[in-house]
C-alpha atoms as a PDB file:
ATOM      1  CA  MET A   1      -1.950 -16.592 -16.748  1.00  0.00           C
ATOM      2  CA  SER A   2      -4.416 -18.905 -15.010  1.00  0.00           C
ATOM      3  CA  ASN A   3      -1.899 -21.744 -15.168  1.00  0.00           C
ATOM      4  CA  ILE A   4       0.593 -19.935 -12.931  1.00  0.00           C
ATOM      5  CA  LEU A   5      -1.799 -18.614 -10.307  1.00  0.00           C
ATOM      6  CA  THR A   6      -2.048 -20.342  -6.956  1.00  0.00           C
ATOM      7  CA  LYS A   7      -5.287 -20.899  -5.069  1.00  0.00           C
ATOM      8  CA  CYS A   8      -6.803 -18.128  -2.973  1.00  0.00           C
ATOM      9  CA  SER A   9      -5.420 -18.222   0.578  1.00  0.00           C
ATOM     10  CA  LEU A  10      -8.893 -17.711   2.028  1.00  0.00           C
ATOM     11  CA  CYS A  11     -11.345 -19.901   0.107  1.00  0.00           C
ATOM     12  CA  LYS A  12      -8.734 -22.401  -1.189  1.00  0.00           C
ATOM     13  CA  ALA A  13     -10.958 -22.902  -4.235  1.00  0.00           C
ATOM     14  CA  ASN A  14     -10.659 -19.981  -6.651  1.00  0.00           C
ATOM     15  CA  GLU A  15      -7.489 -18.778  -8.313  1.00  0.00           C
ATOM     16  CA  ALA A  16      -5.724 -15.934  -6.474  1.00  0.00           C
ATOM     17  CA  ASP A  17      -6.206 -13.358  -9.235  1.00  0.00           C
ATOM     18  CA  GLN A  18      -6.646 -10.182  -7.133  1.00  0.00           C
ATOM     19  CA  THR A  19      -3.956  -7.492  -7.217  1.00  0.00           C
ATOM     20  CA  GLY A  20      -3.400  -4.677  -4.737  1.00  0.00           C
ATOM     21  CA  SER A  21      -4.850  -6.455  -1.694  1.00  0.00           C
ATOM     22  CA  HIS A  22      -4.342  -4.609   1.584  1.00  0.00           C
ATOM     23  CA  ILE A  23      -3.138  -6.829   4.425  1.00  0.00           C
ATOM     24  CA  VAL A  24      -4.236  -4.063   6.825  1.00  0.00           C
ATOM     25  CA  PRO A  25      -7.307  -1.948   5.944  1.00  0.00           C
ATOM     26  CA  SER A  26      -6.294   1.283   4.239  1.00  0.00           C
ATOM     27  CA  PHE A  27      -8.462   3.460   6.501  1.00  0.00           C
ATOM     28  CA  LEU A  28      -6.229   2.491   9.451  1.00  0.00           C
ATOM     29  CA  LEU A  29      -2.957   2.211   7.568  1.00  0.00           C
ATOM     30  CA  LYS A  30      -3.207   5.743   6.190  1.00  0.00           C
ATOM     31  CA  ARG A  31      -3.621   7.108   9.739  1.00  0.00           C
ATOM     32  CA  ILE A  32      -0.156   5.696  10.477  1.00  0.00           C
ATOM     33  CA  GLU A  33       1.669   6.512   7.246  1.00  0.00           C
ATOM     34  CA  ASN A  34       0.006   9.367   5.362  1.00  0.00           C
ATOM     35  CA  ILE A  35       1.908  12.652   5.177  1.00  0.00           C
ATOM     36  CA  ASP A  36       0.625  16.085   6.181  1.00  0.00           C
ATOM     37  CA  GLY A  37      -2.811  14.846   7.252  1.00  0.00           C
ATOM     38  CA  ARG A  38      -3.705  13.609   3.746  1.00  0.00           C
ATOM     39  CA  THR A  39      -6.654  11.221   3.714  1.00  0.00           C
ATOM     40  CA  GLY A  40      -6.357   9.683   0.251  1.00  0.00           C
ATOM     41  CA  ARG A  41      -4.399   6.664  -0.926  1.00  0.00           C
ATOM     42  CA  ASP A  42      -0.788   6.734  -2.148  1.00  0.00           C
ATOM     43  CA  TYR A  43       0.260   9.622   0.134  1.00  0.00           C
ATOM     44  CA  GLU A  44       2.181   7.429   2.539  1.00  0.00           C
ATOM     45  CA  ILE A  45       5.789   7.369   3.626  1.00  0.00           C
ATOM     46  CA  GLY A  46       6.271   4.366   5.861  1.00  0.00           C
ATOM     47  CA  PHE A  47       9.139   2.712   7.695  1.00  0.00           C
ATOM     48  CA  THR A  48       9.376  -0.979   8.512  1.00  0.00           C
ATOM     49  CA  LEU A  49      11.336  -1.534  11.716  1.00  0.00           C
ATOM     50  CA  THR A  50      12.412  -5.036  12.734  1.00  0.00           C
ATOM     51  CA  ASP A  51      15.188  -6.481  14.853  1.00  0.00           C
ATOM     52  CA  GLN A  52      17.038  -7.211  11.614  1.00  0.00           C
ATOM     53  CA  LYS A  53      16.648  -4.118   9.444  1.00  0.00           C
ATOM     54  CA  ILE A  54      14.915  -0.825   8.731  1.00  0.00           C
ATOM     55  CA  GLU A  55      13.277  -0.341   5.343  1.00  0.00           C
ATOM     56  CA  SER A  56      10.955   2.288   3.923  1.00  0.00           C
ATOM     57  CA  HIS A  57       8.383   2.790   1.182  1.00  0.00           C
ATOM     58  CA  PHE A  58       6.451   5.686  -0.326  1.00  0.00           C
ATOM     59  CA  GLY A  59       3.242   6.299  -2.243  1.00  0.00           C
ATOM     60  CA  ARG A  60       3.133   7.444  -5.854  1.00  0.00           C
ATOM     61  CA  GLU A  61       1.241  10.646  -4.976  1.00  0.00           C
ATOM     62  CA  VAL A  62       3.836  11.914  -2.471  1.00  0.00           C
ATOM     63  CA  PRO A  63       5.159  15.257  -3.798  1.00  0.00           C
ATOM     64  CA  ILE A  64       8.715  15.168  -5.112  1.00  0.00           C
ATOM     65  CA  GLU A  65       9.721  17.864  -2.607  1.00  0.00           C
ATOM     66  CA  LYS A  66       8.737  15.552   0.264  1.00  0.00           C
ATOM     67  CA  LEU A  67      10.558  12.603  -1.264  1.00  0.00           C
ATOM     68  CA  ASN A  68      13.696  14.713  -1.660  1.00  0.00           C
ATOM     69  CA  GLU A  69      13.433  15.732   1.986  1.00  0.00           C
ATOM     70  CA  VAL A  70      13.239  12.122   3.176  1.00  0.00           C
ATOM     71  CA  TYR A  71      15.469  10.352   0.624  1.00  0.00           C
ATOM     72  CA  GLY A  72      17.445  12.912  -1.298  1.00  0.00           C
ATOM     73  CA  GLU A  73      17.507  12.167  -5.002  1.00  0.00           C
ATOM     74  CA  LEU A  74      15.865   8.866  -5.957  1.00  0.00           C
ATOM     75  CA  THR A  75      17.000   6.890  -8.973  1.00  0.00           C
ATOM     76  CA  ASP A  76      14.573   5.515 -11.547  1.00  0.00           C
ATOM     77  CA  ASP A  77      15.415   1.996 -10.373  1.00  0.00           C
ATOM     78  CA  GLU A  78      14.573   2.881  -6.757  1.00  0.00           C
ATOM     79  CA  ILE A  79      11.239   4.352  -7.782  1.00  0.00           C
ATOM     80  CA  LYS A  80      10.456   1.293  -9.899  1.00  0.00           C
ATOM     81  CA  ALA A  81      11.412  -1.123  -7.098  1.00  0.00           C
ATOM     82  CA  ASN A  82       9.392   0.737  -4.454  1.00  0.00           C
ATOM     83  CA  LYS A  83       6.497  -1.356  -3.150  1.00  0.00           C
ATOM     84  CA  HIS A  84       4.332  -1.257  -0.053  1.00  0.00           C
ATOM     85  CA  PRO A  85       5.016  -4.394   2.039  1.00  0.00           C
ATOM     86  CA  LEU A  86       1.362  -4.600   3.093  1.00  0.00           C
ATOM     87  CA  VAL A  87      -0.151  -4.287  -0.385  1.00  0.00           C
ATOM     88  CA  VAL A  88       0.206  -7.628  -2.152  1.00  0.00           C
ATOM     89  CA  ASP A  89      -0.777  -9.340  -5.379  1.00  0.00           C
ATOM     90  CA  PHE A  90      -2.195 -12.790  -6.082  1.00  0.00           C
ATOM     91  CA  ILE A  91      -2.953 -13.885  -2.549  1.00  0.00           C
ATOM     92  CA  PHE A  92      -6.774 -13.661  -2.715  1.00  0.00           C
ATOM     93  CA  CYS A  93      -9.419 -14.120  -5.373  1.00  0.00           C
ATOM     94  CA  ARG A  94     -11.675 -11.217  -6.362  1.00  0.00           C
ATOM     95  CA  SER A  95     -14.638 -12.757  -4.565  1.00  0.00           C
ATOM     96  CA  CYS A  96     -12.842 -13.064  -1.211  1.00  0.00           C
ATOM     97  CA  GLU A  97     -11.381  -9.571  -1.594  1.00  0.00           C
ATOM     98  CA  ILE A  98     -14.928  -8.199  -1.874  1.00  0.00           C
ATOM     99  CA  LYS A  99     -16.039 -10.160   1.195  1.00  0.00           C
ATOM    100  CA  LEU A 100     -13.163  -8.870   3.291  1.00  0.00           C
ATOM    101  CA  GLY A 101     -14.009  -5.353   2.137  1.00  0.00           C
ATOM    102  CA  VAL A 102     -17.624  -5.638   3.341  1.00  0.00           C
ATOM    103  CA  VAL A 103     -16.563  -6.065   6.982  1.00  0.00           C
ATOM    104  CA  GLU A 104     -13.847  -3.417   6.674  1.00  0.00           C
ATOM    105  CA  SER A 105     -16.311  -0.878   5.288  1.00  0.00           C
ATOM    106  CA  GLU A 106     -18.801  -1.534   8.081  1.00  0.00           C
ATOM    107  CA  TYR A 107     -16.151  -1.190  10.775  1.00  0.00           C
ATOM    108  CA  ALA A 108     -14.720   1.948   9.169  1.00  0.00           C
ATOM    109  CA  SER A 109     -18.156   3.559   8.983  1.00  0.00           C
ATOM    110  CA  ARG A 110     -18.494   3.305  12.770  1.00  0.00           C
ATOM    111  CA  PHE A 111     -14.839   3.957  13.571  1.00  0.00           C
ATOM    112  CA  ASN A 112     -15.304   7.479  14.884  1.00  0.00           C
ATOM    113  CA  SER A 113     -18.699   7.008  16.489  1.00  0.00           C
ATOM    114  CA  GLU A 114     -18.858   8.427  19.998  1.00  0.00           C
ATOM    115  CA  GLY A 115     -20.566   5.376  21.460  1.00  0.00           C
ATOM    116  CA  GLU A 116     -18.166   2.843  19.910  1.00  0.00           C
ATOM    117  CA  ASN A 117     -21.365   1.083  18.834  1.00  0.00           C
ATOM    118  CA  ILE A 118     -19.870  -1.629  16.662  1.00  0.00           C
ATOM    119  CA  ASN A 119     -21.583  -4.996  16.521  1.00  0.00           C
ATOM    120  CA  SER A 120     -19.471  -7.642  18.253  1.00  0.00           C
ATOM    121  CA  ALA A 121     -19.731 -10.157  15.409  1.00  0.00           C
ATOM    122  CA  ILE A 122     -18.558  -7.614  12.838  1.00  0.00           C
ATOM    123  CA  SER A 123     -15.769  -6.565  15.193  1.00  0.00           C
ATOM    124  CA  PHE A 124     -14.672 -10.166  15.656  1.00  0.00           C
ATOM    125  CA  LEU A 125     -14.521 -10.744  11.888  1.00  0.00           C
ATOM    126  CA  PHE A 126     -12.666  -7.469  11.383  1.00  0.00           C
ATOM    127  CA  TRP A 127      -9.878  -8.120  13.918  1.00  0.00           C
ATOM    128  CA  SER A 128      -9.655 -11.812  13.023  1.00  0.00           C
ATOM    129  CA  SER A 129      -9.158 -10.939   9.369  1.00  0.00           C
ATOM    130  CA  ILE A 130      -6.331  -8.479  10.129  1.00  0.00           C
ATOM    131  CA  ILE A 131      -4.455 -10.869  12.419  1.00  0.00           C
ATOM    132  CA  TRP A 132      -4.898 -13.744   9.975  1.00  0.00           C
ATOM    133  CA  ARG A 133      -3.719 -11.688   6.992  1.00  0.00           C
ATOM    134  CA  LEU A 134      -0.676 -10.368   8.851  1.00  0.00           C
ATOM    135  CA  SER A 135       0.183 -13.937   9.758  1.00  0.00           C
ATOM    136  CA  ILE A 136      -0.029 -15.374   6.249  1.00  0.00           C
ATOM    137  CA  ASN A 137       1.854 -12.380   4.814  1.00  0.00           C
ATOM    138  CA  ARG A 138       4.850 -13.202   7.069  1.00  0.00           C
ATOM    139  CA  LYS A 139       6.701  -9.928   6.536  1.00  0.00           C
ATOM    140  CA  ASP A 140       9.109  -9.756   9.459  1.00  0.00           C
ATOM    141  CA  SER A 141       6.373  -9.950  12.066  1.00  0.00           C
ATOM    142  CA  ASN A 142       4.713 -12.523  14.268  1.00  0.00           C
ATOM    143  CA  HIS A 143       2.570 -15.286  12.843  1.00  0.00           C
ATOM    144  CA  LEU A 144      -0.102 -17.661  14.104  1.00  0.00           C
ATOM    145  CA  THR A 145       0.481 -21.353  14.592  1.00  0.00           C
ATOM    146  CA  LYS A 146      -0.784 -23.474  11.715  1.00  0.00           C
ATOM    147  CA  SER A 147      -3.772 -24.685  13.722  1.00  0.00           C
ATOM    148  CA  HIS A 148      -4.742 -21.175  14.881  1.00  0.00           C
ATOM    149  CA  SER A 149      -4.375 -19.842  11.343  1.00  0.00           C
ATOM    150  CA  GLU A 150      -6.590 -22.582   9.964  1.00  0.00           C
ATOM    151  CA  ILE A 151      -9.289 -21.934  12.592  1.00  0.00           C
ATOM    152  CA  LEU A 152      -9.478 -18.268  11.579  1.00  0.00           C
ATOM    153  CA  ARG A 153      -9.397 -19.122   7.876  1.00  0.00           C
ATOM    154  CA  ARG A 154     -12.338 -21.528   8.289  1.00  0.00           C
ATOM    155  CA  ILE A 155     -14.363 -18.958  10.224  1.00  0.00           C
ATOM    156  CA  LEU A 156     -13.707 -16.177   7.720  1.00  0.00           C
ATOM    157  CA  ASP A 157     -14.346 -18.370   4.694  1.00  0.00           C
ATOM    158  CA  ARG A 158     -17.581 -19.726   6.123  1.00  0.00           C
ATOM    159  CA  THR A 159     -18.930 -16.424   7.461  1.00  0.00           C
ATOM    160  CA  LEU A 160     -17.862 -13.567   5.199  1.00  0.00           C
ATOM    161  CA  LYS A 161     -20.335 -12.646   2.459  1.00  0.00           C
ATOM    162  CA  ASP A 162     -20.460 -10.188  -0.408  1.00  0.00           C
ATOM    163  CA  ASN A 163     -23.013  -8.029   1.418  1.00  0.00           C
ATOM    164  CA  LEU A 164     -23.491  -7.212   5.083  1.00  0.00           C
ATOM    165  CA  SER A 165     -27.060  -8.473   5.407  1.00  0.00           C
ATOM    166  CA  ALA A 166     -26.050 -11.949   4.252  1.00  0.00           C
ATOM    167  CA  ILE A 167     -23.649 -12.473   7.169  1.00  0.00           C
ATOM    168  CA  ASN A 168     -25.313 -14.874   9.601  1.00  0.00           C
ATOM    169  CA  GLN A 169     -24.166 -13.449  12.912  1.00  0.00           C
ATOM    170  CA  ASP A 170     -26.095 -15.952  15.018  1.00  0.00           C
ATOM    171  CA  GLU A 171     -24.393 -18.843  13.247  1.00  0.00           C
ATOM    172  CA  LEU A 172     -21.001 -17.207  13.764  1.00  0.00           C
ATOM    173  CA  LEU A 173     -21.480 -16.589  17.458  1.00  0.00           C
ATOM    174  CA  THR A 174     -22.592 -20.165  18.187  1.00  0.00           C
ATOM    175  CA  SER A 175     -20.042 -21.986  15.995  1.00  0.00           C
ATOM    176  CA  SER A 176     -17.663 -24.439  17.653  1.00  0.00           C
ATOM    177  CA  ASP A 177     -14.661 -22.691  16.097  1.00  0.00           C
ATOM    178  CA  LYS A 178     -15.813 -19.323  17.365  1.00  0.00           C
ATOM    179  CA  SER A 179     -16.222 -20.555  20.933  1.00  0.00           C
ATOM    180  CA  LYS A 180     -12.456 -21.187  21.081  1.00  0.00           C
ATOM    181  CA  ILE A 181     -11.561 -17.526  20.595  1.00  0.00           C
ATOM    182  CA  SER A 182     -11.810 -14.303  22.590  1.00  0.00           C
ATOM    183  CA  TYR A 183     -10.022 -10.992  22.602  1.00  0.00           C
ATOM    184  CA  LYS A 184      -9.502  -7.765  24.510  1.00  0.00           C
ATOM    185  CA  LEU A 185      -9.346  -4.374  22.884  1.00  0.00           C
ATOM    186  CA  LEU A 186      -7.763  -1.180  24.231  1.00  0.00           C
ATOM    187  CA  ARG A 187      -7.956   2.183  22.475  1.00  0.00           C
ATOM    188  CA  ALA A 188      -6.266   5.527  23.088  1.00  0.00           C
ATOM    189  CA  LYS A 189      -8.859   7.495  21.186  1.00  0.00           C
ATOM    190  CA  ASP A 190      -7.583  10.538  19.250  1.00  0.00           C
ATOM    191  CA  PHE A 191      -3.993   9.710  20.205  1.00  0.00           C
ATOM    192  CA  SER A 192      -2.964   9.770  16.544  1.00  0.00           C
ATOM    193  CA  ASN A 193      -4.248  13.331  16.168  1.00  0.00           C
ATOM    194  CA  GLU A 194      -1.156  14.545  18.028  1.00  0.00           C
ATOM    195  CA  HIS A 195       1.276  11.608  18.000  1.00  0.00           C
ATOM    196  CA  PRO A 196       2.750   9.191  15.468  1.00  0.00           C
ATOM    197  CA  THR A 197       1.413   5.643  15.663  1.00  0.00           C
ATOM    198  CA  PHE A 198       2.497   2.369  14.127  1.00  0.00           C
ATOM    199  CA  LEU A 199       1.681  -1.251  13.376  1.00  0.00           C
ATOM    200  CA  SER A 200       3.258  -4.187  15.194  1.00  0.00           C
ATOM    201  CA  PHE A 201       2.132  -7.803  15.317  1.00  0.00           C
ATOM    202  CA  VAL A 202       4.550  -8.345  18.176  1.00  0.00           C
ATOM    203  CA  LYS A 203       6.978 -11.251  18.059  1.00  0.00           C
ATOM    204  CA  GLY A 204       7.220 -13.400  21.166  1.00  0.00           C
ATOM    205  CA  TYR A 205       3.535 -13.043  22.111  1.00  0.00           C
ATOM    206  CA  ASN A 206       2.043 -16.336  21.009  1.00  0.00           C
ATOM    207  CA  ASN A 207      -1.333 -16.894  22.616  1.00  0.00           C
ATOM    208  CA  PRO A 208      -2.428 -14.468  23.611  1.00  0.00           C
ATOM    209  CA  TYR A 209      -1.191 -12.741  20.453  1.00  0.00           C
ATOM    210  CA  LEU A 210      -0.542  -9.009  20.664  1.00  0.00           C
ATOM    211  CA  LEU A 211      -1.397  -6.594  17.859  1.00  0.00           C
ATOM    212  CA  ILE A 212      -0.728  -2.846  18.045  1.00  0.00           C
ATOM    213  CA  LEU A 213      -2.405  -0.896  15.255  1.00  0.00           C
ATOM    214  CA  ASP A 214      -2.736   2.889  15.254  1.00  0.00           C
ATOM    215  CA  GLU A 215      -4.681   3.751  18.444  1.00  0.00           C
ATOM    216  CA  TYR A 216      -5.642   0.132  19.150  1.00  0.00           C
ATOM    217  CA  ILE A 217      -4.082  -2.675  21.166  1.00  0.00           C
ATOM    218  CA  CYS A 218      -5.659  -6.068  20.549  1.00  0.00           C
ATOM    219  CA  LEU A 219      -4.945  -9.113  22.715  1.00  0.00           C
ATOM    220  CA  PHE A 220      -6.211 -12.174  20.846  1.00  0.00           C
ATOM    221  CA  ARG A 221      -6.357 -15.628  22.381  1.00  0.00           C
ATOM    222  CA  PHE A 222      -7.319 -19.179  21.492  1.00  0.00           C
ATOM    223  CA  GLY A 223      -8.613 -21.374  24.312  1.00  0.00           C
ATOM    224  CA  ASN A 224      -8.927 -20.256  27.917  1.00  0.00           C
ATOM    225  CA  LYS A 225      -5.433 -18.953  28.540  1.00  0.00           C
ATOM    226  CA  THR A 226      -5.563 -15.616  30.349  1.00  0.00           C
ATOM    227  CA  VAL A 227      -3.321 -12.580  30.590  1.00  0.00           C
ATOM    228  CA  ASP A 228      -2.675 -13.419  34.242  1.00  0.00           C
ATOM    229  CA  SER A 229      -0.970 -16.668  33.246  1.00  0.00           C
ATOM    230  CA  ILE A 230       1.543 -14.904  30.984  1.00  0.00           C
ATOM    231  CA  GLN A 231       4.683 -13.625  32.660  1.00  0.00           C
ATOM    232  CA  LYS A 232       5.130 -10.640  30.362  1.00  0.00           C
ATOM    233  CA  ASP A 233       4.882  -6.940  31.103  1.00  0.00           C
ATOM    234  CA  TYR A 234       3.049  -6.077  27.869  1.00  0.00           C
ATOM    235  CA  PHE A 235       5.184  -2.937  27.589  1.00  0.00           C
ATOM    236  CA  GLY A 236       3.744  -1.455  30.756  1.00  0.00           C
ATOM    237  CA  LEU A 237       0.120  -2.368  30.039  1.00  0.00           C
ATOM    238  CA  LYS A 238      -0.166  -5.711  31.825  1.00  0.00           C
ATOM    239  CA  ASP A 239      -2.449  -4.387  34.594  1.00  0.00           C
ATOM    240  CA  LYS A 240      -4.640  -2.538  32.107  1.00  0.00           C
ATOM    241  CA  LEU A 241      -4.992  -5.646  29.972  1.00  0.00           C
ATOM    242  CA  ARG A 242      -5.651  -7.854  32.986  1.00  0.00           C
ATOM    243  CA  ASN A 243      -8.552  -5.660  34.050  1.00  0.00           C
ATOM    244  CA  ALA A 244     -10.008  -5.183  30.569  1.00  0.00           C
ATOM    245  CA  SER A 245     -13.057  -7.213  29.618  1.00  0.00           C
ATOM    246  CA  TYR A 246     -12.892  -9.950  27.020  1.00  0.00           C
ATOM    247  CA  ASN A 247     -15.321  -9.443  24.213  1.00  0.00           C
ATOM    248  CA  ASN A 248     -18.002 -11.987  25.001  1.00  0.00           C
ATOM    249  CA  TYR A 249     -20.068 -11.344  21.892  1.00  0.00           C
ATOM    250  CA  ASN A 250     -22.929  -9.453  23.410  1.00  0.00           C
ATOM    251  CA  GLU A 251     -24.567  -6.835  21.230  1.00  0.00           C
ATOM    252  CA  LEU A 252     -21.668  -4.369  21.111  1.00  0.00           C
ATOM    253  CA  GLU A 253     -17.905  -4.545  20.980  1.00  0.00           C
ATOM    254  CA  VAL A 254     -16.215  -3.861  24.335  1.00  0.00           C
ATOM    255  CA  ILE A 255     -13.325  -1.384  24.185  1.00  0.00           C
ATOM    256  CA  THR A 256     -11.277  -0.312  27.215  1.00  0.00           C
ATOM    257  CA  SER A 257      -9.975   3.243  27.068  1.00  0.00           C
ATOM    258  CA  ILE A 258      -6.378   4.093  27.849  1.00  0.00           C
ATOM    259  CA  GLY A 259      -4.851   7.528  28.247  1.00  0.00           C
ATOM    260  CA  GLU A 260      -2.343   9.448  26.196  1.00  0.00           C
ATOM    261  CA  GLU A 261       0.442   8.904  28.731  1.00  0.00           C
ATOM    262  CA  GLU A 262      -0.191   5.153  28.927  1.00  0.00           C
ATOM    263  CA  MET A 263      -0.042   4.855  25.137  1.00  0.00           C
ATOM    264  CA  SER A 264       3.094   7.004  24.911  1.00  0.00           C
ATOM    265  CA  ASN A 265       4.874   4.922  27.546  1.00  0.00           C
ATOM    266  CA  MET A 266       3.886   1.677  25.822  1.00  0.00           C
ATOM    267  CA  ILE A 267       5.386   2.937  22.544  1.00  0.00           C
ATOM    268  CA  LYS A 268       8.611   3.959  24.313  1.00  0.00           C
ATOM    269  CA  PHE A 269       8.921   0.509  25.925  1.00  0.00           C
ATOM    270  CA  LEU A 270       8.243  -1.291  22.648  1.00  0.00           C
ATOM    271  CA  LEU A 271      10.711   0.805  20.658  1.00  0.00           C
ATOM    272  CA  ALA A 272      13.314   0.293  23.365  1.00  0.00           C
ATOM    273  CA  GLU A 273      12.839  -3.469  23.023  1.00  0.00           C
ATOM    274  CA  TYR A 274      13.260  -3.275  19.236  1.00  0.00           C
ATOM    275  CA  SER A 275      16.376  -1.159  19.764  1.00  0.00           C
ATOM    276  CA  LYS A 276      17.906  -3.749  22.096  1.00  0.00           C
ATOM    277  CA  LEU A 277      17.186  -6.556  19.642  1.00  0.00           C
ATOM    278  CA  ARG A 278      18.595  -4.556  16.746  1.00  0.00           C
ATOM    279  CA  THR A 279      21.753  -3.729  18.713  1.00  0.00           C
ATOM    280  CA  LYS A 280      22.162  -7.413  19.527  1.00  0.00           C
ATOM    281  CA  ASN A 281      21.840  -8.358  15.858  1.00  0.00           C
ATOM    282  CA  ILE A 282      24.275  -5.626  14.777  1.00  0.00           C
ATOM    283  CA  ASN A 283      26.800  -7.113  17.217  1.00  0.00           C
ATOM    284  CA  ILE A 284      26.273 -10.580  15.737  1.00  0.00           C
ATOM    285  CA  ILE A 285      26.683  -9.273  12.174  1.00  0.00           C
ATOM    286  CA  LEU A 286      29.833  -7.315  13.017  1.00  0.00           C
ATOM    287  CA  ASP A 287      31.377 -10.361  14.673  1.00  0.00           C
ATOM    288  CA  LYS A 288      30.630 -12.394  11.547  1.00  0.00           C
ATOM    289  CA  VAL A 289      32.248  -9.695   9.396  1.00  0.00           C
ATOM    290  CA  HIS A 290      35.273  -9.732  11.688  1.00  0.00           C
ATOM    291  CA  ARG A 291      35.706 -13.486  11.278  1.00  0.00           C
ATOM    292  CA  TYR A 292      35.070 -13.308   7.513  1.00  0.00           C
ATOM    293  CA  ILE A 293      37.959 -10.863   7.036  1.00  0.00           C
ATOM    294  CA  ASP A 294      40.179 -13.059   9.237  1.00  0.00           C
ATOM    295  CA  GLY A 295      40.264 -10.676  12.167  1.00  0.00           C
ATOM    296  CA  LYS A 296      42.069 -11.761  15.309  1.00  0.00           C
ATOM    297  CA  GLY A 297      39.804 -13.705  17.647  1.00  0.00           C
ATOM    298  CA  ARG A 298      36.088 -14.450  17.293  1.00  0.00           C
ATOM    299  CA  PHE A 299      34.764 -10.984  18.113  1.00  0.00           C
ATOM    300  CA  MET A 300      35.285  -7.568  16.569  1.00  0.00           C
ATOM    301  CA  PRO A 301      37.076  -5.224  19.005  1.00  0.00           C
ATOM    302  CA  LEU A 302      34.628  -3.160  21.041  1.00  0.00           C
ATOM    303  CA  GLU A 303      36.154   0.194  20.068  1.00  0.00           C
ATOM    304  CA  ILE A 304      35.597  -0.577  16.364  1.00  0.00           C
ATOM    305  CA  LYS A 305      32.003  -1.622  17.009  1.00  0.00           C
ATOM    306  CA  LYS A 306      31.360   1.590  18.938  1.00  0.00           C
ATOM    307  CA  GLU A 307      32.771   3.697  16.106  1.00  0.00           C
ATOM    308  CA  ILE A 308      30.565   1.912  13.554  1.00  0.00           C
ATOM    309  CA  VAL A 309      27.424   2.397  15.661  1.00  0.00           C
ATOM    310  CA  ILE A 310      28.210   6.081  16.305  1.00  0.00           C
ATOM    311  CA  ASN A 311      28.731   6.667  12.582  1.00  0.00           C
ATOM    312  CA  LEU A 312      25.552   4.780  11.781  1.00  0.00           C
ATOM    313  CA  TYR A 313      23.318   6.762  14.132  1.00  0.00           C
ATOM    314  CA  ASP A 314      25.055  10.128  13.936  1.00  0.00           C
ATOM    315  CA  ASN A 315      25.376  10.744  10.209  1.00  0.00           C
ATOM    316  CA  GLU A 316      23.748  13.474   8.145  1.00  0.00           C
ATOM    317  CA  LYS A 317      22.087  11.293   5.527  1.00  0.00           C
ATOM    318  CA  GLU A 318      18.399  11.801   4.843  1.00  0.00           C
ATOM    319  CA  LEU A 319      16.104   9.818   7.139  1.00  0.00           C
ATOM    320  CA  GLY A 320      15.106   7.418   4.363  1.00  0.00           C
ATOM    321  CA  ARG A 321      18.766   6.559   3.744  1.00  0.00           C
ATOM    322  CA  ARG A 322      20.259   6.687   7.216  1.00  0.00           C
ATOM    323  CA  PHE A 323      19.382   3.203   8.411  1.00  0.00           C
ATOM    324  CA  SER A 324      19.207   1.317   5.125  1.00  0.00           C
ATOM    325  CA  ASN A 325      21.201  -1.853   4.525  1.00  0.00           C
ATOM    326  CA  GLU A 326      23.241   0.013   1.921  1.00  0.00           C
ATOM    327  CA  GLU A 327      24.163   2.720   4.429  1.00  0.00           C
ATOM    328  CA  PHE A 328      25.053   0.103   7.034  1.00  0.00           C
ATOM    329  CA  ILE A 329      27.446  -1.593   4.603  1.00  0.00           C
ATOM    330  CA  GLU A 330      28.952   1.762   3.610  1.00  0.00           C
ATOM    331  CA  VAL A 331      29.561   2.758   7.229  1.00  0.00           C
ATOM    332  CA  VAL A 332      31.098  -0.614   8.134  1.00  0.00           C
ATOM    333  CA  ILE A 333      33.492  -0.495   5.170  1.00  0.00           C
ATOM    334  CA  SER A 334      34.394   3.136   5.848  1.00  0.00           C
ATOM    335  CA  VAL A 335      35.316   2.442   9.489  1.00  0.00           C
ATOM    336  CA  LEU A 336      37.145  -0.804   8.755  1.00  0.00           C
ATOM    337  CA  ARG A 337      39.285   0.918   6.126  1.00  0.00           C
ATOM    338  CA  LYS A 338      40.864   2.901   8.938  1.00  0.00           C
ATOM    339  CA  TYR A 339      42.030  -0.298  10.633  1.00  0.00           C
ATOM    340  CA  ILE A 340      42.507  -2.744   7.744  1.00  0.00           C
ATOM    341  CA  PRO A 341      44.368  -2.018   4.487  1.00  0.00           C
ATOM    342  CA  PHE A 342      41.664  -3.018   1.971  1.00  0.00           C
ATOM    343  CA  GLN A 343      42.716  -3.235  -1.628  1.00  0.00           C
ATOM    344  CA  ASN A 344      40.822  -1.137  -4.179  1.00  0.00           C
END
């Protein structure tokens, strides 16, 4: 087995022998995905929404009644193929997995503290590790430039230890790599108690990078570029982000509070943007299908496109089936059969 393993993505020295590594810490991921307020692992039903597709996954402890509600009857092959996109094998070594877990555990232990009294160095390592892992995982989300990714990898490799007391925070805060980075953090505390939340390492935001995770919005930058220099609306939060303080590595992490309405509006704006991108890609795909079947002209007639989209969004399939690639193909074929005499 050792002959086929690659090197650990973090230390670049040991073999990547760890299985079940979480790209995003489970204590945050379960707040987004877990069903019925469950707090344990493997109770998730999650949906991955991109401008290209919608996919879903489920945990092995989800009751069969819930699975039937979301998917209808699942085949043995579907159950076997089911895998969480943010739980991966053979990307880290066991040693680095432990080191990442030390910072995650410390941050999680203070997550619900009233004073938000999280040490700034621990906070920096925590958010850096999430953004870096999302980037190297490259699952239909944004990613760092090679140079930015390598800066974070060096910092994490050099600083993370297998116990909290061994982390040299003074060395971290004065390192030349560290001085190139700063970030802002917004939080709509307790928002997820009443509302669904999600994860998005948002495409198109490339320094500052934008991460939305559960109740948090993290704006992460390399160099001295500021929010004011970016001509983006940040889904309605540009003014809030402009006025928020950068974490300057004093004793405690700085978090700017945002309200329930601000968070709700941001989610609406972001989902609307994904919807526009998905509609654009559906149009491109349908035009390609039209040309592939030798349709007249370069573009599928608008009335056929409209009928396909209506059937796609207004069918009675279970939620876990409704927007799958298989359902999309089925709907397209069904509508086209009305206009084109396909052979059986």
